[in-house]
Amino acid sequence: MNKPIIMTGDRTTGPLHIGHYAGSLANRLRYQDSHDQFLLLADTQALTDNAHDPAKVRRSVIEIALDYLAVGINPARTTICLQSHLPALAELSMLYLNFVTVARLERNPTIKDEIRARGFGRDIPAGFLCYPAAQAADITAFKATVVPVGEDQAPLIEQTNEIVRRINATAGSTVLPEAQAIIPKAGRLPGIDGKAKMSKSGGNAIPLSASPDDIRAAVKAMFTDPNHLRIEDPGRVEGNVVFAYLDAFDPDQDELAELKRQYERGGLGDGKIKARLEAILQDLLAPIRTRRRQLSEDRGYILEVIKEGTERARAHTEATKREVVSALGLFQL
């Protein structure tokens, strides 16, 4: 029996952080035994807002592949592949742009938020605006039916399914399957400074490769409740970054629930909850950091994993492109 197909990935703009782990990485680990999984190193999409610094995009390919392997992604069970070396993705992206309007692209909530965050105004790179069509190509080229994503990416999956329905309606048959977004319980982790989004460029994230000192400093700097000045003062859990991270990573949720109640009624200091979080993150990241350091000593192996995965992925994506072109009745030589 064929396994369901998962496609997901990351833009190659720098090493991954614990927000990625709490988001889709945990699901990727969970599903790699039960599904056919493809992990895309999205270097072409990274250029949509990093065309001024292609060197960063290039360097990050190996860095993110290292992160994948360090957290436990097994290349024998998960195909790690490079977007720019899969030409069918670019061809399908161009084709799909004929099935979506500029107005619809601009209405996509994820794109609207990202445009606002980057301060593009009307100077939006065309590639960035077309991101939803490109992601639709990435997902459908593998015929993925499951896509682990962060909460903020769900509108992109909705738009992928809109494009799929238009393609299928035009072809008069079910050429492409629709995909389901799998969103982790933790949702989107805030930055350590309390801002809505943790980001590589914002300096408010904890990398998966963070040293013990880096982890300690990051937890110490975390935003809590500015009105919780004394231990006996009642504190707010909502909007408290430390509790948001404990929600995502604390293995003892029952004890955490009691700590929340104690914090809200007073009698629990920020130092205690920060110490708890630091211990949890140190335990989580120590083995990842060790494996990453060991793997980084053999860059040839990392490159071979990417090459082999990309070759496997190319066969899948080229086959899908031929099916779509044939189903739409395009001229063929």
Protein backbone atom coordinates (compact mmCIF):
# COMPACT_ATOMS: atom_id res chain seq x y z
CA MET A 1 0.00 0.00 0.00
CA ASN A 2 1.34 3.43 -0.94
CA LYS A 3 2.03 5.76 1.95
CA PRO A 4 0.51 9.26 2.08
CA ILE A 5 2.91 11.92 0.84
CA ILE A 6 4.16 14.84 2.96
CA MET A 7 5.94 17.84 1.48
CA THR A 8 7.40 20.61 3.57
CA GLY A 9 10.59 22.63 3.76
CA ASP A 10 12.36 25.81 4.75
CA ARG A 11 13.68 28.89 3.01
CA THR A 12 17.46 28.87 3.05
CA THR A 13 18.03 32.16 4.82
CA GLY A 14 19.97 30.94 7.86
CA PRO A 15 20.11 28.09 10.39
CA LEU A 16 16.85 26.91 11.95
CA HIS A 17 15.69 27.88 15.45
CA ILE A 18 13.52 26.34 18.14
CA GLY A 19 10.43 27.95 16.62
CA HIS A 20 10.96 25.67 13.62
CA TYR A 21 11.36 22.72 15.99
CA ALA A 22 8.14 23.48 17.87
CA GLY A 23 6.44 24.16 14.55
CA SER A 24 6.88 21.73 11.70
CA LEU A 25 10.09 19.88 12.60
CA ALA A 26 8.47 17.88 15.39
CA ASN A 27 5.76 16.75 12.99
CA ARG A 28 8.34 15.88 10.33
CA LEU A 29 10.07 13.56 12.79
CA ARG A 30 6.76 12.00 13.77
CA TYR A 31 5.60 11.28 10.23
CA GLN A 32 8.79 10.12 8.50
CA ASP A 33 8.05 6.46 9.30
CA SER A 34 4.38 6.47 8.31
CA HIS A 35 4.56 8.75 5.23
CA ASP A 36 6.65 9.33 2.13
CA GLN A 37 8.23 12.63 3.15
CA PHE A 38 9.97 15.25 1.01
CA LEU A 39 11.89 18.09 2.67
CA LEU A 40 12.58 21.02 0.36
CA LEU A 41 15.58 23.31 0.77
CA ALA A 42 13.78 26.33 -0.68
CA ASP A 43 16.67 28.36 -2.05
CA THR A 44 14.72 29.78 -5.01
CA GLN A 45 11.99 31.09 -2.73
CA ALA A 46 14.65 32.49 -0.39
CA LEU A 47 15.76 34.75 -3.24
CA THR A 48 12.35 36.42 -3.43
CA ASP A 49 13.44 38.83 -0.69
CA ASN A 50 17.17 38.08 -0.58
CA ALA A 51 18.23 38.67 -4.17
CA HIS A 52 20.66 41.29 -2.86
CA ASP A 53 22.54 38.58 -0.91
CA PRO A 54 22.62 35.30 -2.86
CA ALA A 55 25.72 34.22 -0.92
CA LYS A 56 23.65 33.97 2.27
CA VAL A 57 21.08 31.85 0.46
CA ARG A 58 23.82 29.57 -0.92
CA ARG A 59 25.56 29.13 2.46
CA SER A 60 22.31 28.33 4.20
CA VAL A 61 21.62 25.25 2.06
CA ILE A 62 24.22 23.20 3.94
CA GLU A 63 23.35 24.83 7.29
CA ILE A 64 19.69 23.85 7.11
CA ALA A 65 20.49 20.36 5.85
CA LEU A 66 22.75 20.02 8.91
CA ASP A 67 19.87 21.10 11.16
CA TYR A 68 17.54 18.53 9.56
CA LEU A 69 19.97 15.68 10.15
CA ALA A 70 20.93 16.87 13.64
CA VAL A 71 17.33 16.80 14.91
CA GLY A 72 16.89 13.25 13.63
CA ILE A 73 15.63 13.45 10.07
CA ASN A 74 16.72 10.19 8.44
CA PRO A 75 17.66 10.60 4.74
CA ALA A 76 16.82 6.94 4.16
CA ARG A 77 13.20 7.70 5.11
CA THR A 78 12.91 11.39 4.20
CA THR A 79 14.00 12.84 0.88
CA ILE A 80 15.97 16.08 1.38
CA CYS A 81 16.07 17.98 -1.92
CA LEU A 82 17.17 21.33 -3.37
CA GLN A 83 14.49 23.51 -4.95
CA SER A 84 16.66 25.27 -7.53
CA HIS A 85 17.73 21.90 -8.97
CA LEU A 86 14.15 20.76 -9.62
CA PRO A 87 13.21 22.59 -12.87
CA ALA A 88 9.67 21.17 -12.88
CA LEU A 89 8.87 23.36 -9.86
CA ALA A 90 9.70 26.56 -11.75
CA GLU A 91 7.76 25.37 -14.82
CA LEU A 92 4.68 24.51 -12.77
CA SER A 93 4.93 27.85 -10.93
CA MET A 94 4.78 29.71 -14.23
CA LEU A 95 1.87 27.57 -15.39
CA TYR A 96 -0.09 28.08 -12.15
CA LEU A 97 0.25 31.86 -12.36
CA ASN A 98 -2.28 31.68 -15.19
CA PHE A 99 -4.83 30.25 -12.75
CA VAL A 100 -4.63 32.95 -10.07
CA THR A 101 -5.12 36.72 -10.13
CA VAL A 102 -2.85 39.44 -8.77
CA ALA A 103 -5.74 40.59 -6.55
CA ARG A 104 -6.03 37.13 -5.01
CA LEU A 105 -2.27 36.96 -4.39
CA GLU A 106 -2.38 40.34 -2.66
CA ARG A 107 -5.31 39.25 -0.45
CA ASN A 108 -3.47 36.23 0.92
CA PRO A 109 -3.15 36.97 4.69
CA THR A 110 0.32 35.44 4.95
CA ILE A 111 1.62 37.54 2.07
CA LYS A 112 -0.06 40.70 3.41
CA ASP A 113 1.57 40.20 6.82
CA GLU A 114 4.99 39.53 5.34
CA ILE A 115 4.79 42.55 3.02
CA ARG A 116 3.91 44.73 6.01
CA ALA A 117 6.67 43.24 8.16
CA ARG A 118 9.29 43.85 5.48
CA GLY A 119 8.10 47.38 4.74
CA PHE A 120 7.85 46.77 1.00
CA GLY A 121 4.93 49.15 0.47
CA ARG A 122 4.25 48.91 -3.26
CA ASP A 123 7.87 47.99 -4.05
CA ILE A 124 7.08 44.29 -3.74
CA PRO A 125 9.44 41.94 -5.57
CA ALA A 126 7.34 40.11 -8.16
CA GLY A 127 8.76 36.79 -7.01
CA PHE A 128 7.64 37.51 -3.45
CA LEU A 129 4.10 38.36 -4.51
CA CYS A 130 3.95 35.12 -6.51
CA TYR A 131 5.08 33.06 -3.52
CA PRO A 132 1.69 31.30 -3.11
CA ALA A 133 1.77 30.00 -6.69
CA ALA A 134 5.35 28.83 -6.23
CA GLN A 135 4.46 27.03 -3.03
CA ALA A 136 1.48 25.45 -4.77
CA ALA A 137 3.92 24.11 -7.36
CA ASP A 138 6.19 22.74 -4.62
CA ILE A 139 3.33 20.91 -2.91
CA THR A 140 1.55 19.58 -5.97
CA ALA A 141 4.69 18.50 -7.83
CA PHE A 142 5.10 15.82 -5.16
CA LYS A 143 1.32 15.18 -5.03
CA ALA A 144 1.49 15.81 -1.31
CA THR A 145 -1.72 15.45 0.69
CA VAL A 146 -0.22 16.46 4.05
CA VAL A 147 1.79 19.63 4.71
CA PRO A 148 3.12 20.36 8.23
CA VAL A 149 3.23 24.14 8.59
CA GLY A 150 3.17 26.86 11.19
CA GLU A 151 -0.13 28.55 11.96
CA ASP A 152 0.82 31.60 9.89
CA GLN A 153 1.32 29.46 6.76
CA ALA A 154 -2.18 27.93 6.67
CA PRO A 155 -3.55 30.52 4.16
CA LEU A 156 -0.91 29.39 1.67
CA ILE A 157 -2.26 25.83 1.81
CA GLU A 158 -5.77 27.18 1.25
CA GLN A 159 -4.59 29.01 -1.85
CA THR A 160 -2.76 25.91 -3.08
CA ASN A 161 -6.05 24.02 -2.94
CA GLU A 162 -7.81 26.80 -4.85
CA ILE A 163 -5.26 26.47 -7.65
CA VAL A 164 -5.59 22.67 -7.56
CA ARG A 165 -9.36 22.93 -7.99
CA ARG A 166 -8.96 25.28 -10.97
CA ILE A 167 -6.42 22.99 -12.62
CA ASN A 168 -8.63 19.95 -12.10
CA ALA A 169 -11.72 21.78 -13.36
CA THR A 170 -9.91 22.91 -16.50
CA ALA A 171 -8.51 19.42 -17.11
CA GLY A 172 -11.87 17.79 -16.44
CA SER A 173 -10.28 15.22 -14.17
CA THR A 174 -8.56 14.92 -10.80
CA VAL A 175 -4.98 15.46 -11.86
CA LEU A 176 -3.77 16.86 -8.55
CA PRO A 177 -4.86 16.08 -4.96
CA GLU A 178 -5.74 18.74 -2.41
CA ALA A 179 -3.51 19.06 0.63
CA GLN A 180 -4.26 19.26 4.35
CA ALA A 181 -2.29 21.60 6.60
CA ILE A 182 -1.06 19.98 9.82
CA ILE A 183 -0.59 22.72 12.41
CA PRO A 184 1.24 21.91 15.67
CA LYS A 185 -0.47 22.38 19.01
CA ALA A 186 2.09 25.00 20.00
CA GLY A 187 1.15 27.24 17.08
CA ARG A 188 3.64 30.04 16.43
CA LEU A 189 6.17 30.82 19.14
CA PRO A 190 6.79 34.50 19.86
CA GLY A 191 10.26 35.99 19.82
CA ILE A 192 12.11 36.09 23.13
CA ASP A 193 11.47 39.86 23.18
CA GLY A 194 7.70 39.32 23.16
CA LYS A 195 7.24 40.30 19.53
CA ALA A 196 4.67 38.34 17.60
CA LYS A 197 7.11 36.41 15.41
CA MET A 198 10.42 34.75 16.09
CA SER A 199 12.75 35.30 13.14
CA LYS A 200 16.31 34.54 12.10
CA SER A 201 16.93 38.13 11.04
CA GLY A 202 15.18 39.76 14.01
CA GLY A 203 17.71 38.58 16.57
CA ASN A 204 14.92 37.30 18.81
CA ALA A 205 15.28 33.56 18.22
CA ILE A 206 17.22 30.68 19.78
CA PRO A 207 19.05 28.70 17.07
CA LEU A 208 19.02 24.91 17.25
CA SER A 209 22.82 25.16 17.44
CA ALA A 210 22.80 27.62 20.37
CA SER A 211 25.52 27.12 22.98
CA PRO A 212 24.62 26.61 26.67
CA ASP A 213 25.60 30.23 27.35
CA ASP A 214 23.46 31.47 24.45
CA ILE A 215 20.46 29.53 25.76
CA ARG A 216 20.96 30.89 29.28
CA ALA A 217 21.24 34.46 28.04
CA ALA A 218 18.18 34.13 25.79
CA VAL A 219 15.98 32.76 28.60
CA LYS A 220 17.22 35.41 31.00
CA ALA A 221 16.24 38.13 28.50
CA MET A 222 12.76 36.72 27.86
CA PHE A 223 9.76 38.99 28.18
CA THR A 224 7.43 38.04 31.05
CA ASP A 225 4.88 40.26 32.80
CA PRO A 226 6.18 43.82 33.28
CA ASN A 227 3.75 44.33 36.18
CA HIS A 228 4.96 41.25 38.06
CA LEU A 229 7.48 43.20 40.13
CA ARG A 230 7.53 41.10 43.32
CA ILE A 231 7.19 37.37 43.86
CA GLU A 232 3.93 37.85 45.81
CA ASP A 233 2.35 39.94 43.01
CA PRO A 234 -0.24 38.20 40.81
CA GLY A 235 1.17 37.65 37.33
CA ARG A 236 -0.26 37.26 33.83
CA VAL A 237 0.32 34.03 31.94
CA GLU A 238 -1.21 35.30 28.71
CA GLY A 239 1.41 37.13 26.66
CA ASN A 240 4.18 35.82 28.92
CA VAL A 241 6.92 34.47 26.61
CA VAL A 242 8.34 32.07 29.19
CA PHE A 243 4.99 30.31 29.60
CA ALA A 244 4.50 30.23 25.82
CA TYR A 245 7.77 28.32 25.50
CA LEU A 246 6.90 26.06 28.43
CA ASP A 247 3.60 25.26 26.72
CA ALA A 248 5.59 24.13 23.67
CA PHE A 249 8.41 22.20 25.34
CA ASP A 250 7.59 21.24 28.95
CA PRO A 251 7.01 17.46 29.11
CA ASP A 252 5.02 17.72 32.39
CA GLN A 253 1.96 19.71 31.39
CA ASP A 254 0.09 18.87 34.62
CA GLU A 255 2.81 20.41 36.77
CA LEU A 256 2.99 23.34 34.37
CA ALA A 257 -0.74 23.95 34.82
CA GLU A 258 -0.22 24.18 38.60
CA LEU A 259 2.69 26.60 38.12
CA LYS A 260 0.45 28.81 35.99
CA ARG A 261 -2.19 28.91 38.71
CA GLN A 262 0.43 29.76 41.32
CA TYR A 263 1.89 32.50 39.13
CA GLU A 264 -1.54 34.04 38.53
CA ARG A 265 -2.46 34.21 42.21
CA GLY A 266 1.03 35.33 43.32
CA GLY A 267 3.88 33.59 45.07
CA LEU A 268 5.94 32.44 42.09
CA GLY A 269 8.86 34.46 40.77
CA ASP A 270 10.02 34.88 37.19
CA GLY A 271 13.40 33.43 38.14
CA LYS A 272 11.89 30.04 38.99
CA ILE A 273 9.95 29.65 35.76
CA LYS A 274 12.93 30.84 33.73
CA ALA A 275 15.17 28.29 35.47
CA ARG A 276 12.67 25.55 34.60
CA LEU A 277 12.56 26.61 30.97
CA GLU A 278 16.33 26.90 30.68
CA ALA A 279 16.81 23.34 31.99
CA ILE A 280 14.28 22.01 29.48
CA LEU A 281 15.89 23.82 26.54
CA GLN A 282 19.39 22.79 27.59
CA ASP A 283 18.28 19.13 27.64
CA LEU A 284 16.52 19.48 24.28
CA LEU A 285 19.29 21.23 22.38
CA ALA A 286 22.40 19.53 23.82
CA PRO A 287 22.13 16.31 21.75
CA ILE A 288 21.11 18.29 18.64
CA ARG A 289 24.15 20.54 19.04
CA THR A 290 26.45 17.53 19.50
CA ARG A 291 25.14 15.70 16.42
CA ARG A 292 25.32 18.88 14.38
CA ARG A 293 28.96 19.42 15.32
CA GLN A 294 29.82 15.84 14.39
CA LEU A 295 27.98 16.03 11.06
CA SER A 296 29.59 19.36 10.17
CA GLU A 297 32.98 17.63 10.08
CA ASP A 298 31.92 15.69 6.98
CA ARG A 299 30.45 18.24 4.56
CA GLY A 300 30.89 15.71 1.74
CA TYR A 301 28.28 13.49 3.39
CA ILE A 302 25.82 16.39 3.69
CA LEU A 303 26.31 17.25 0.03
CA GLU A 304 25.77 13.62 -0.99
CA VAL A 305 22.51 13.48 1.00
CA ILE A 306 21.26 16.56 -0.85
CA LYS A 307 22.38 15.25 -4.26
CA GLU A 308 20.77 11.84 -3.84
CA GLY A 309 17.57 13.31 -2.46
CA THR A 310 17.34 15.83 -5.29
CA GLU A 311 17.73 13.09 -7.89
CA ARG A 312 14.86 11.12 -6.32
CA ALA A 313 12.73 14.24 -6.09
CA ARG A 314 13.43 15.18 -9.72
CA ALA A 315 11.86 11.94 -10.92
CA HIS A 316 8.67 12.67 -8.94
CA THR A 317 8.36 16.29 -9.99
CA GLU A 318 9.06 15.70 -13.68
CA ALA A 319 6.41 12.96 -13.78
CA THR A 320 3.81 15.29 -12.23
CA LYS A 321 4.69 18.11 -14.64
CA ARG A 322 4.15 15.78 -17.60
CA GLU A 323 0.77 14.69 -16.20
CA VAL A 324 -0.40 18.28 -15.70
CA VAL A 325 0.74 19.39 -19.16
CA SER A 326 -0.96 16.40 -20.76
CA ALA A 327 -4.20 16.80 -18.77
CA LEU A 328 -4.47 20.48 -19.73
CA GLY A 329 -4.04 19.57 -23.38
CA LEU A 330 -0.98 21.70 -24.04
CA PHE A 331 0.88 21.18 -27.30
CA GLN A 332 3.57 18.53 -27.07
CA LEU A 333 6.41 17.65 -29.42
